[in-house]
């Protein structure tokens, strides 16, 4: 029992390590994390299917990571569009203020 707990924590540590790696691409991260988790599951379930579990986990990890990246990209695009809209609104207000000041000066000079 103690060996299984140690094995689990070692595998969890190995699976979490690539999450912080910035040099790896998204597919590689997903494959490493999914492969490590799949290998642990394949080994724990039947003992002989460690490589099969790692291969299936790699594929699943890539797919899940692509979905995560897609969601993050969509959110970034939404935030960028909102920031542009707010900047445009502030610019329009500033232009309107300047025009009002010009009109007031022209009325005073008459």
N, C-alpha and C. Protein backbone atom coordinates (compact mmCIF):
# COMPACT_ATOMS: atom_id res chain seq x y z
N UNK A 1 0.83 -1.20 0.00
CA UNK A 1 0.00 0.00 0.00
C UNK A 1 0.87 1.26 0.00
N UNK A 2 1.92 1.22 0.83
CA UNK A 2 2.80 2.37 0.93
C UNK A 2 3.51 2.63 -0.40
N UNK A 3 3.88 1.56 -1.10
CA UNK A 3 4.56 1.70 -2.38
C UNK A 3 3.63 2.33 -3.42
N UNK A 4 2.36 1.99 -3.38
CA UNK A 4 1.40 2.57 -4.32
C UNK A 4 1.21 4.06 -4.08
N UNK A 5 1.19 4.45 -2.83
CA UNK A 5 1.04 5.87 -2.50
C UNK A 5 2.26 6.65 -3.00
N UNK A 6 3.44 6.11 -2.76
CA UNK A 6 4.66 6.76 -3.22
C UNK A 6 4.66 6.82 -4.75
N UNK A 7 4.29 5.73 -5.41
CA UNK A 7 4.23 5.70 -6.87
C UNK A 7 3.24 6.73 -7.39
N UNK A 8 2.11 6.84 -6.73
CA UNK A 8 1.10 7.81 -7.15
C UNK A 8 1.64 9.24 -7.07
N UNK A 9 2.28 9.57 -5.97
CA UNK A 9 2.78 10.93 -5.81
C UNK A 9 3.94 11.23 -6.76
N UNK A 10 4.78 10.25 -7.02
CA UNK A 10 5.85 10.45 -7.99
C UNK A 10 5.25 10.68 -9.37
N UNK A 11 4.26 9.87 -9.74
CA UNK A 11 3.62 10.02 -11.05
C UNK A 11 2.89 11.36 -11.14
N UNK A 12 2.23 11.78 -10.07
CA UNK A 12 1.53 13.06 -10.07
C UNK A 12 2.53 14.21 -10.22
N UNK A 13 3.66 14.10 -9.57
CA UNK A 13 4.70 15.12 -9.70
C UNK A 13 5.25 15.20 -11.12
N UNK A 14 5.46 14.04 -11.72
CA UNK A 14 5.94 14.00 -13.11
C UNK A 14 4.88 14.54 -14.07
N UNK A 15 3.63 14.27 -13.77
CA UNK A 15 2.56 14.76 -14.64
C UNK A 15 2.39 16.27 -14.52
N UNK A 16 2.63 16.82 -13.35
CA UNK A 16 2.45 18.26 -13.14
C UNK A 16 3.67 19.06 -13.58
N UNK A 17 4.83 18.44 -13.69
CA UNK A 17 6.05 19.17 -14.04
C UNK A 17 5.97 19.89 -15.38
N UNK A 18 5.42 19.29 -16.43
CA UNK A 18 5.40 20.00 -17.72
C UNK A 18 4.45 21.19 -17.75
N UNK A 19 3.56 21.31 -16.81
CA UNK A 19 2.62 22.42 -16.82
C UNK A 19 3.33 23.76 -16.72
N UNK A 20 4.47 23.78 -16.06
CA UNK A 20 5.21 25.03 -15.89
C UNK A 20 6.27 25.25 -16.96
N UNK A 21 6.45 24.30 -17.84
CA UNK A 21 7.49 24.43 -18.86
C UNK A 21 7.02 25.37 -19.95
N UNK A 22 7.70 26.50 -20.09
CA UNK A 22 7.28 27.48 -21.08
C UNK A 22 7.89 27.22 -22.46
N UNK A 23 8.92 26.41 -22.53
CA UNK A 23 9.57 26.15 -23.81
C UNK A 23 8.81 25.13 -24.65
N UNK A 24 7.93 24.38 -24.01
CA UNK A 24 7.17 23.36 -24.73
C UNK A 24 5.94 23.97 -25.37
N UNK A 25 5.54 23.42 -26.51
CA UNK A 25 4.31 23.86 -27.15
C UNK A 25 3.11 23.24 -26.46
N UNK A 26 1.94 23.65 -26.88
CA UNK A 26 0.72 23.16 -26.22
C UNK A 26 0.51 21.68 -26.46
N UNK A 27 0.82 21.19 -27.66
CA UNK A 27 0.63 19.77 -27.92
C UNK A 27 1.56 18.91 -27.07
N UNK A 28 2.79 19.37 -26.91
CA UNK A 28 3.75 18.60 -26.13
C UNK A 28 3.34 18.55 -24.66
N UNK A 29 2.89 19.68 -24.14
CA UNK A 29 2.46 19.70 -22.74
C UNK A 29 1.30 18.74 -22.53
N UNK A 30 0.31 18.80 -23.42
CA UNK A 30 -0.85 17.92 -23.28
C UNK A 30 -0.46 16.47 -23.37
N UNK A 31 0.46 16.16 -24.28
CA UNK A 31 0.89 14.78 -24.44
C UNK A 31 1.65 14.29 -23.21
N UNK A 32 2.53 15.13 -22.67
CA UNK A 32 3.31 14.71 -21.50
C UNK A 32 2.41 14.48 -20.29
N UNK A 33 1.52 15.41 -20.06
CA UNK A 33 0.64 15.28 -18.89
C UNK A 33 -0.31 14.10 -19.06
N UNK A 34 -0.95 14.02 -20.22
CA UNK A 34 -1.88 12.91 -20.46
C UNK A 34 -1.18 11.57 -20.49
N UNK A 35 0.01 11.54 -21.08
CA UNK A 35 0.76 10.28 -21.13
C UNK A 35 1.18 9.81 -19.75
N UNK A 36 1.60 10.71 -18.91
CA UNK A 36 1.99 10.32 -17.54
C UNK A 36 0.78 9.80 -16.78
N UNK A 37 -0.33 10.51 -16.89
CA UNK A 37 -1.54 10.06 -16.19
C UNK A 37 -2.04 8.74 -16.76
N UNK A 38 -2.03 8.61 -18.09
CA UNK A 38 -2.48 7.37 -18.72
C UNK A 38 -1.59 6.20 -18.37
N UNK A 39 -0.28 6.43 -18.30
CA UNK A 39 0.64 5.36 -17.91
C UNK A 39 0.38 4.88 -16.50
N UNK A 40 0.12 5.81 -15.61
CA UNK A 40 -0.18 5.42 -14.22
C UNK A 40 -1.48 4.62 -14.16
N UNK A 41 -2.49 5.10 -14.87
CA UNK A 41 -3.77 4.39 -14.87
C UNK A 41 -3.62 3.02 -15.52
N UNK A 42 -2.92 2.94 -16.65
CA UNK A 42 -2.72 1.66 -17.32
C UNK A 42 -1.98 0.68 -16.44
N UNK A 43 -1.02 1.16 -15.70
CA UNK A 43 -0.27 0.28 -14.80
C UNK A 43 -1.11 -0.13 -13.60
N UNK A 44 -1.89 0.81 -13.07
CA UNK A 44 -2.68 0.50 -11.87
C UNK A 44 -3.84 -0.43 -12.18
N UNK A 45 -4.42 -0.31 -13.37
CA UNK A 45 -5.60 -1.12 -13.70
C UNK A 45 -5.21 -2.57 -13.98
N UNK A 46 -4.25 -2.80 -14.88
CA UNK A 46 -3.93 -4.19 -15.21
C UNK A 46 -2.47 -4.54 -15.04
N UNK A 47 -1.61 -3.57 -14.86
CA UNK A 47 -0.20 -3.85 -14.63
C UNK A 47 0.61 -4.01 -15.90
N UNK A 48 0.01 -4.45 -16.99
CA UNK A 48 0.76 -4.68 -18.22
C UNK A 48 0.52 -3.61 -19.27
N UNK A 49 -0.42 -2.75 -19.09
CA UNK A 49 -0.82 -1.81 -20.11
C UNK A 49 -0.31 -0.40 -19.86
N UNK A 50 0.88 -0.28 -19.33
CA UNK A 50 1.44 1.03 -19.03
C UNK A 50 1.66 1.83 -20.32
N UNK A 51 2.25 1.21 -21.34
CA UNK A 51 2.53 1.92 -22.59
C UNK A 51 1.25 2.24 -23.34
N UNK A 52 0.30 1.32 -23.34
CA UNK A 52 -0.97 1.57 -24.01
C UNK A 52 -1.70 2.74 -23.32
N UNK A 53 -1.71 2.73 -21.99
CA UNK A 53 -2.33 3.82 -21.25
C UNK A 53 -1.65 5.15 -21.51
N UNK A 54 -0.32 5.13 -21.61
CA UNK A 54 0.43 6.35 -21.89
C UNK A 54 0.10 6.88 -23.28
N UNK A 55 -0.01 5.99 -24.26
CA UNK A 55 -0.32 6.42 -25.62
C UNK A 55 -1.73 7.01 -25.69
N UNK A 56 -2.68 6.36 -25.09
CA UNK A 56 -4.06 6.88 -25.09
C UNK A 56 -4.13 8.18 -24.30
N UNK A 57 -3.43 8.24 -23.17
CA UNK A 57 -3.39 9.47 -22.38
C UNK A 57 -2.75 10.62 -23.12
N UNK A 58 -1.75 10.33 -23.92
CA UNK A 58 -1.09 11.37 -24.72
C UNK A 58 -2.08 11.97 -25.70
N UNK A 59 -2.81 11.12 -26.41
CA UNK A 59 -3.81 11.62 -27.36
C UNK A 59 -4.89 12.42 -26.68
N UNK A 60 -5.38 11.92 -25.56
CA UNK A 60 -6.42 12.64 -24.83
C UNK A 60 -5.90 13.96 -24.28
N UNK A 61 -4.66 13.95 -23.80
CA UNK A 61 -4.07 15.18 -23.28
C UNK A 61 -3.93 16.26 -24.34
N UNK A 62 -3.56 15.85 -25.55
CA UNK A 62 -3.42 16.82 -26.65
C UNK A 62 -4.78 17.44 -26.96
N UNK A 63 -5.82 16.60 -27.05
CA UNK A 63 -7.15 17.12 -27.36
C UNK A 63 -7.66 18.07 -26.28
N UNK A 64 -7.50 17.68 -25.04
CA UNK A 64 -7.97 18.51 -23.93
C UNK A 64 -7.20 19.82 -23.89
N UNK A 65 -5.89 19.76 -24.12
CA UNK A 65 -5.08 20.98 -24.09
C UNK A 65 -5.45 21.90 -25.24
N UNK A 66 -5.77 21.36 -26.42
CA UNK A 66 -6.20 22.20 -27.54
C UNK A 66 -7.49 22.94 -27.20
N UNK A 67 -8.41 22.24 -26.54
CA UNK A 67 -9.67 22.89 -26.14
C UNK A 67 -9.41 24.01 -25.14
N UNK A 68 -8.50 23.77 -24.21
CA UNK A 68 -8.18 24.79 -23.20
C UNK A 68 -7.56 26.02 -23.87
N UNK A 69 -6.63 25.79 -24.78
CA UNK A 69 -5.97 26.90 -25.48
C UNK A 69 -6.98 27.67 -26.32
N UNK A 70 -7.90 26.95 -26.95
CA UNK A 70 -8.92 27.61 -27.77
C UNK A 70 -9.80 28.52 -26.91
N UNK A 71 -10.18 28.05 -25.73
CA UNK A 71 -10.99 28.88 -24.82
C UNK A 71 -10.21 30.11 -24.37
N UNK A 72 -8.93 29.92 -24.04
CA UNK A 72 -8.11 31.06 -23.60
C UNK A 72 -7.96 32.09 -24.72
N UNK A 73 -7.78 31.61 -25.95
CA UNK A 73 -7.66 32.53 -27.09
C UNK A 73 -8.95 33.30 -27.32
N UNK A 74 -10.09 32.63 -27.20
CA UNK A 74 -11.37 33.31 -27.37
C UNK A 74 -11.55 34.38 -26.31
N UNK A 75 -11.20 34.07 -25.08
CA UNK A 75 -11.33 35.04 -24.00
C UNK A 75 -10.40 36.23 -24.23
N UNK A 76 -9.19 35.97 -24.72
CA UNK A 76 -8.25 37.05 -24.99
C UNK A 76 -8.79 37.95 -26.11
N UNK A 77 -9.38 37.35 -27.14
CA UNK A 77 -9.96 38.16 -28.22
C UNK A 77 -11.12 39.00 -27.71
N UNK A 78 -11.96 38.42 -26.84
CA UNK A 78 -13.08 39.19 -26.27
C UNK A 78 -12.56 40.36 -25.45
N UNK A 79 -11.55 40.11 -24.64
CA UNK A 79 -10.98 41.18 -23.81
C UNK A 79 -10.38 42.28 -24.68
N UNK A 80 -9.69 41.88 -25.74
CA UNK A 80 -9.09 42.87 -26.63
C UNK A 80 -10.15 43.71 -27.33
N UNK A 81 -11.22 43.07 -27.78
CA UNK A 81 -12.31 43.81 -28.43
C UNK A 81 -12.97 44.77 -27.45
N UNK A 82 -13.16 44.35 -26.23
CA UNK A 82 -13.77 45.21 -25.21
C UNK A 82 -12.86 46.41 -24.91
N UNK A 83 -11.56 46.16 -24.81
CA UNK A 83 -10.61 47.25 -24.55
C UNK A 83 -10.60 48.25 -25.70
N UNK A 84 -10.66 47.75 -26.94
CA UNK A 84 -10.71 48.67 -28.09
C UNK A 84 -11.99 49.50 -28.07
N UNK A 85 -13.11 48.86 -27.72
CA UNK A 85 -14.38 49.56 -27.66
C UNK A 85 -14.34 50.66 -26.59
N UNK A 86 -13.80 50.34 -25.43
CA UNK A 86 -13.70 51.33 -24.36
C UNK A 86 -12.76 52.47 -24.74
N UNK A 87 -11.65 52.15 -25.40
CA UNK A 87 -10.72 53.19 -25.82
C UNK A 87 -11.36 54.09 -26.86
N UNK A 88 -12.11 53.50 -27.77
CA UNK A 88 -12.79 54.31 -28.79
C UNK A 88 -13.82 55.23 -28.15
N UNK A 89 -14.55 54.71 -27.16
CA UNK A 89 -15.56 55.53 -26.47
C UNK A 89 -14.89 56.69 -25.75
N UNK A 90 -13.76 56.43 -25.08
CA UNK A 90 -13.05 57.51 -24.38
C UNK A 90 -12.53 58.54 -25.39
N UNK A 91 -12.04 58.08 -26.51
CA UNK A 91 -11.55 58.99 -27.55
C UNK A 91 -12.70 59.86 -28.08
N UNK A 92 -13.84 59.26 -28.34
CA UNK A 92 -14.99 60.01 -28.84
C UNK A 92 -15.44 61.07 -27.83
N UNK A 93 -15.42 60.72 -26.55
CA UNK A 93 -15.80 61.69 -25.52
C UNK A 93 -14.81 62.85 -25.48
N UNK A 94 -13.52 62.54 -25.63
CA UNK A 94 -12.50 63.59 -25.62
C UNK A 94 -12.66 64.51 -26.83
N UNK A 95 -12.93 63.94 -27.98
CA UNK A 95 -13.14 64.74 -29.19
C UNK A 95 -14.37 65.63 -29.01
N UNK A 96 -15.44 65.09 -28.45
CA UNK A 96 -16.65 65.88 -28.24
C UNK A 96 -16.38 67.03 -27.26
N UNK A 97 -15.59 66.77 -26.23
CA UNK A 97 -15.26 67.81 -25.26
C UNK A 97 -14.46 68.93 -25.91
N UNK A 98 -13.49 68.56 -26.73
CA UNK A 98 -12.67 69.56 -27.41
C UNK A 98 -13.53 70.39 -28.36
N UNK A 99 -14.45 69.75 -29.06
CA UNK A 99 -15.33 70.49 -29.97
C UNK A 99 -16.22 71.46 -29.19
N UNK A 100 -16.70 71.04 -28.05
CA UNK A 100 -17.53 71.93 -27.22
C UNK A 100 -16.72 73.13 -26.76
N UNK A 101 -15.49 72.91 -26.37
CA UNK A 101 -14.63 74.03 -25.96
C UNK A 101 -14.39 74.99 -27.12
N UNK A 102 -14.18 74.45 -28.32
CA UNK A 102 -13.99 75.29 -29.50
C UNK A 102 -15.25 76.11 -29.79
N UNK A 103 -16.39 75.48 -29.69
CA UNK A 103 -17.65 76.21 -29.91
C UNK A 103 -17.83 77.31 -28.89
N UNK A 104 -17.50 76.99 -27.62
CA UNK A 104 -17.65 78.01 -26.57
C UNK A 104 -16.71 79.20 -26.83
N UNK A 105 -15.49 78.94 -27.27
CA UNK A 105 -14.55 80.02 -27.57
C UNK A 105 -15.02 80.87 -28.75
N UNK A 106 -15.58 80.19 -29.75
CA UNK A 106 -16.09 80.94 -30.91
C UNK A 106 -17.28 81.84 -30.51
N UNK A 107 -18.13 81.34 -29.65
CA UNK A 107 -19.28 82.14 -29.19
C UNK A 107 -18.80 83.32 -28.37
N UNK A 108 -17.78 83.13 -27.53
CA UNK A 108 -17.24 84.22 -26.71
C UNK A 108 -16.58 85.30 -27.57
N UNK A 109 -15.93 84.89 -28.66
CA UNK A 109 -15.20 85.85 -29.51
C UNK A 109 -16.14 86.64 -30.42
N UNK A 110 -17.35 86.31 -30.56
CA UNK A 110 -18.28 87.05 -31.43
C UNK A 110 -18.65 88.33 -30.82
